[in-house]
Structure formats: structure tokens, C-alpha cells
N, C-alpha and C. Protein backbone atom coordinates (compact mmCIF):
# COMPACT_ATOMS: atom_id res chain seq x y z
N MET A 1 16.87 9.37 9.55
CA MET A 1 16.23 8.27 8.87
C MET A 1 14.94 7.78 9.50
N PRO A 2 13.89 7.77 8.61
CA PRO A 2 12.61 7.38 9.09
C PRO A 2 12.64 5.93 9.78
N THR A 3 11.77 5.69 10.77
CA THR A 3 11.62 4.41 11.24
C THR A 3 10.55 3.80 10.70
N HIS A 4 10.41 2.39 11.05
CA HIS A 4 9.26 1.67 10.42
C HIS A 4 7.91 2.23 10.91
N ALA A 5 7.90 2.63 12.23
CA ALA A 5 6.74 3.14 12.75
C ALA A 5 6.37 4.59 11.95
N THR A 6 7.22 5.34 11.68
CA THR A 6 7.14 6.63 10.99
C THR A 6 6.53 6.31 9.62
N THR A 7 7.32 5.24 8.91
CA THR A 7 6.85 5.01 7.55
C THR A 7 5.57 4.38 7.69
N ASP A 8 5.11 3.60 8.44
CA ASP A 8 3.79 3.09 8.62
C ASP A 8 2.76 4.22 8.90
N ALA A 9 3.06 4.94 9.66
CA ALA A 9 1.92 5.99 10.01
C ALA A 9 1.89 6.92 8.73
N THR A 10 2.89 7.27 8.16
CA THR A 10 3.05 8.08 6.93
C THR A 10 2.14 7.59 5.71
N LEU A 11 2.45 6.21 5.56
CA LEU A 11 1.97 5.65 4.49
C LEU A 11 0.27 5.50 4.58
N ARG A 12 -0.05 5.13 5.93
CA ARG A 12 -1.43 5.04 6.26
C ARG A 12 -2.34 6.33 6.14
N ALA A 13 -1.59 7.36 6.58
CA ALA A 13 -2.27 8.78 6.49
C ALA A 13 -2.27 9.37 5.02
N TRP A 14 -1.35 8.85 4.16
CA TRP A 14 -1.29 9.21 2.85
C TRP A 14 -2.41 8.41 2.07
N LEU A 15 -2.54 7.21 2.18
CA LEU A 15 -3.42 6.31 1.48
C LEU A 15 -4.95 6.93 1.91
N ALA A 16 -5.07 7.37 3.09
CA ALA A 16 -6.38 7.86 3.51
C ALA A 16 -6.87 8.99 2.76
N THR A 17 -5.85 9.66 2.22
CA THR A 17 -6.29 11.02 1.36
C THR A 17 -6.46 10.59 -0.09
N ARG A 18 -6.06 9.41 -0.39
CA ARG A 18 -6.22 9.10 -1.97
C ARG A 18 -7.74 8.57 -2.34
N SER A 19 -8.00 8.99 -3.53
CA SER A 19 -9.43 8.48 -3.94
C SER A 19 -9.37 7.07 -4.27
N ALA A 20 -10.65 6.50 -4.30
CA ALA A 20 -10.78 5.01 -4.56
C ALA A 20 -10.10 4.67 -5.76
N SER A 21 -9.97 5.56 -6.84
CA SER A 21 -9.40 5.22 -8.09
C SER A 21 -7.85 5.22 -8.06
N GLU A 22 -7.35 6.08 -7.19
CA GLU A 22 -5.75 6.05 -6.86
C GLU A 22 -5.59 4.90 -6.04
N ARG A 23 -6.36 4.41 -5.12
CA ARG A 23 -6.10 3.28 -4.42
C ARG A 23 -6.13 2.06 -5.30
N ALA A 24 -7.14 2.01 -6.19
CA ALA A 24 -7.17 0.79 -7.15
C ALA A 24 -5.87 0.60 -7.91
N THR A 25 -5.36 1.85 -8.47
CA THR A 25 -4.10 1.79 -9.24
C THR A 25 -2.98 1.45 -8.41
N LEU A 26 -2.78 1.93 -7.18
CA LEU A 26 -1.82 1.53 -6.42
C LEU A 26 -1.78 -0.21 -6.24
N THR A 27 -2.92 -0.41 -5.96
CA THR A 27 -3.25 -1.98 -5.75
C THR A 27 -2.81 -2.86 -6.93
N ARG A 28 -3.08 -2.33 -8.22
CA ARG A 28 -2.58 -2.95 -9.50
C ARG A 28 -1.08 -2.90 -9.47
N LEU A 29 -0.40 -1.80 -9.35
CA LEU A 29 1.09 -1.56 -9.52
C LEU A 29 1.80 -2.40 -8.29
N TRP A 30 1.14 -2.61 -7.27
CA TRP A 30 1.84 -3.51 -6.15
C TRP A 30 1.45 -4.89 -6.29
N ALA A 31 0.62 -5.36 -7.32
CA ALA A 31 0.07 -6.72 -7.57
C ALA A 31 -0.52 -7.28 -6.44
N LEU A 32 -1.56 -6.36 -5.85
CA LEU A 32 -2.31 -7.00 -4.86
C LEU A 32 -3.74 -7.37 -5.05
N PRO A 33 -4.44 -8.01 -4.49
CA PRO A 33 -5.86 -8.34 -4.97
C PRO A 33 -6.76 -7.20 -4.89
N ALA A 34 -7.38 -7.18 -6.08
CA ALA A 34 -8.23 -5.84 -6.50
C ALA A 34 -9.15 -5.50 -5.37
N SER A 35 -9.78 -6.55 -4.53
CA SER A 35 -10.56 -6.14 -3.49
C SER A 35 -9.87 -5.05 -2.48
N LEU A 36 -8.63 -5.13 -2.50
CA LEU A 36 -7.96 -4.17 -1.35
C LEU A 36 -8.11 -2.78 -1.84
N GLY A 37 -8.17 -2.55 -3.31
CA GLY A 37 -8.13 -1.19 -3.88
C GLY A 37 -9.50 -0.74 -3.90
N ALA A 38 -10.59 -1.51 -3.73
CA ALA A 38 -12.03 -1.18 -3.75
C ALA A 38 -12.63 -0.96 -2.35
N ALA A 39 -11.77 -1.34 -1.20
CA ALA A 39 -12.29 -1.29 0.15
C ALA A 39 -12.56 0.26 0.39
N PRO A 40 -13.71 0.45 1.12
CA PRO A 40 -13.92 2.13 1.48
C PRO A 40 -12.85 2.54 2.29
N ASP A 41 -12.18 1.76 2.95
CA ASP A 41 -10.98 2.68 3.71
C ASP A 41 -9.63 2.27 3.24
N ALA A 42 -8.61 2.71 3.67
CA ALA A 42 -7.34 2.28 3.09
C ALA A 42 -6.58 1.48 4.09
N GLU A 43 -7.16 0.99 5.11
CA GLU A 43 -6.39 0.20 6.22
C GLU A 43 -5.89 -1.03 5.70
N ALA A 44 -6.80 -1.93 5.10
CA ALA A 44 -6.43 -3.26 4.49
C ALA A 44 -5.35 -3.04 3.33
N LEU A 45 -5.50 -2.07 2.55
CA LEU A 45 -4.39 -1.79 1.62
C LEU A 45 -3.06 -1.49 2.27
N ALA A 46 -3.02 -0.56 3.14
CA ALA A 46 -1.92 -0.35 3.82
C ALA A 46 -1.23 -1.49 4.49
N ASP A 47 -2.06 -2.27 5.06
CA ASP A 47 -1.63 -3.61 5.93
C ASP A 47 -0.89 -4.48 4.64
N ALA A 48 -1.54 -4.51 3.67
CA ALA A 48 -1.09 -5.40 2.36
C ALA A 48 0.38 -4.86 2.06
N MET A 49 0.37 -3.56 1.59
CA MET A 49 1.61 -2.85 1.26
C MET A 49 2.74 -3.00 2.14
N LEU A 50 2.36 -2.79 3.42
CA LEU A 50 3.55 -3.12 4.45
C LEU A 50 3.97 -4.36 4.80
N GLY A 51 3.36 -5.53 4.29
CA GLY A 51 3.65 -6.86 4.40
C GLY A 51 5.02 -7.17 3.84
N PRO A 52 5.73 -8.12 4.35
CA PRO A 52 7.02 -8.52 3.87
C PRO A 52 6.81 -9.00 2.51
N VAL A 53 5.87 -9.85 2.22
CA VAL A 53 5.86 -10.31 0.74
C VAL A 53 5.64 -9.14 -0.26
N ALA A 54 4.82 -8.13 -0.04
CA ALA A 54 4.49 -7.06 -0.96
C ALA A 54 5.86 -6.24 -1.12
N ILE A 55 6.63 -6.12 0.09
CA ILE A 55 7.79 -5.25 0.21
C ILE A 55 8.82 -6.00 -0.67
N ALA A 56 9.04 -7.32 -0.39
CA ALA A 56 10.07 -8.19 -1.18
C ALA A 56 9.66 -8.01 -2.86
N ARG A 57 8.51 -8.28 -3.08
CA ARG A 57 7.86 -8.31 -4.50
C ARG A 57 8.26 -6.93 -5.12
N ALA A 58 7.92 -5.71 -4.34
CA ALA A 58 8.32 -4.35 -4.97
C ALA A 58 9.97 -4.13 -5.12
N LEU A 59 10.59 -4.64 -3.97
CA LEU A 59 12.02 -4.58 -4.25
C LEU A 59 12.53 -5.44 -5.32
N ALA A 60 12.07 -6.57 -5.39
CA ALA A 60 12.47 -7.32 -6.63
C ALA A 60 12.41 -6.82 -8.00
N ALA A 61 11.11 -6.06 -7.96
CA ALA A 61 10.73 -5.52 -9.30
C ALA A 61 11.73 -4.32 -9.65
N LEU A 62 12.29 -3.71 -8.78
CA LEU A 62 13.29 -2.61 -8.99
C LEU A 62 14.54 -3.14 -9.56
N ASN A 63 14.87 -4.39 -9.29
CA ASN A 63 16.22 -4.97 -9.96
C ASN A 63 16.09 -5.08 -11.35
């Protein structure tokens, strides 16, 4: 089973390969501020996606 550290690194690496358009789409899907998807790098978006509030919101949406 992946650990948090593995998941964190995997998400960050994956986001770094996504285009700005793809990151903007992910930002909207995760209901995060649009500025995160428009950032030139993916670090801020990864930080927001890995935060407890964003994860709780995503899990709640699955119910």
C-alpha cells in the first residue's frame, strides 16, 4: 500500500508533467482557487490538493 510520502511525490511528479490547461481543469474539479491552476509550476496546486480540507471535500463528493 502506498504511503503518504509516496503519494505526495507521485502527485507532484504527475502534476509537473501536466499542461497549464490540465492543471486549470484539475483546479476546477477540486474546487480550488483558479490562481492555483494558473501558476507556472504545480507546487502550489499539489500543496492545495494534498491539504486536509481539499481531501475531505473530494471524499465527501464521492458519497
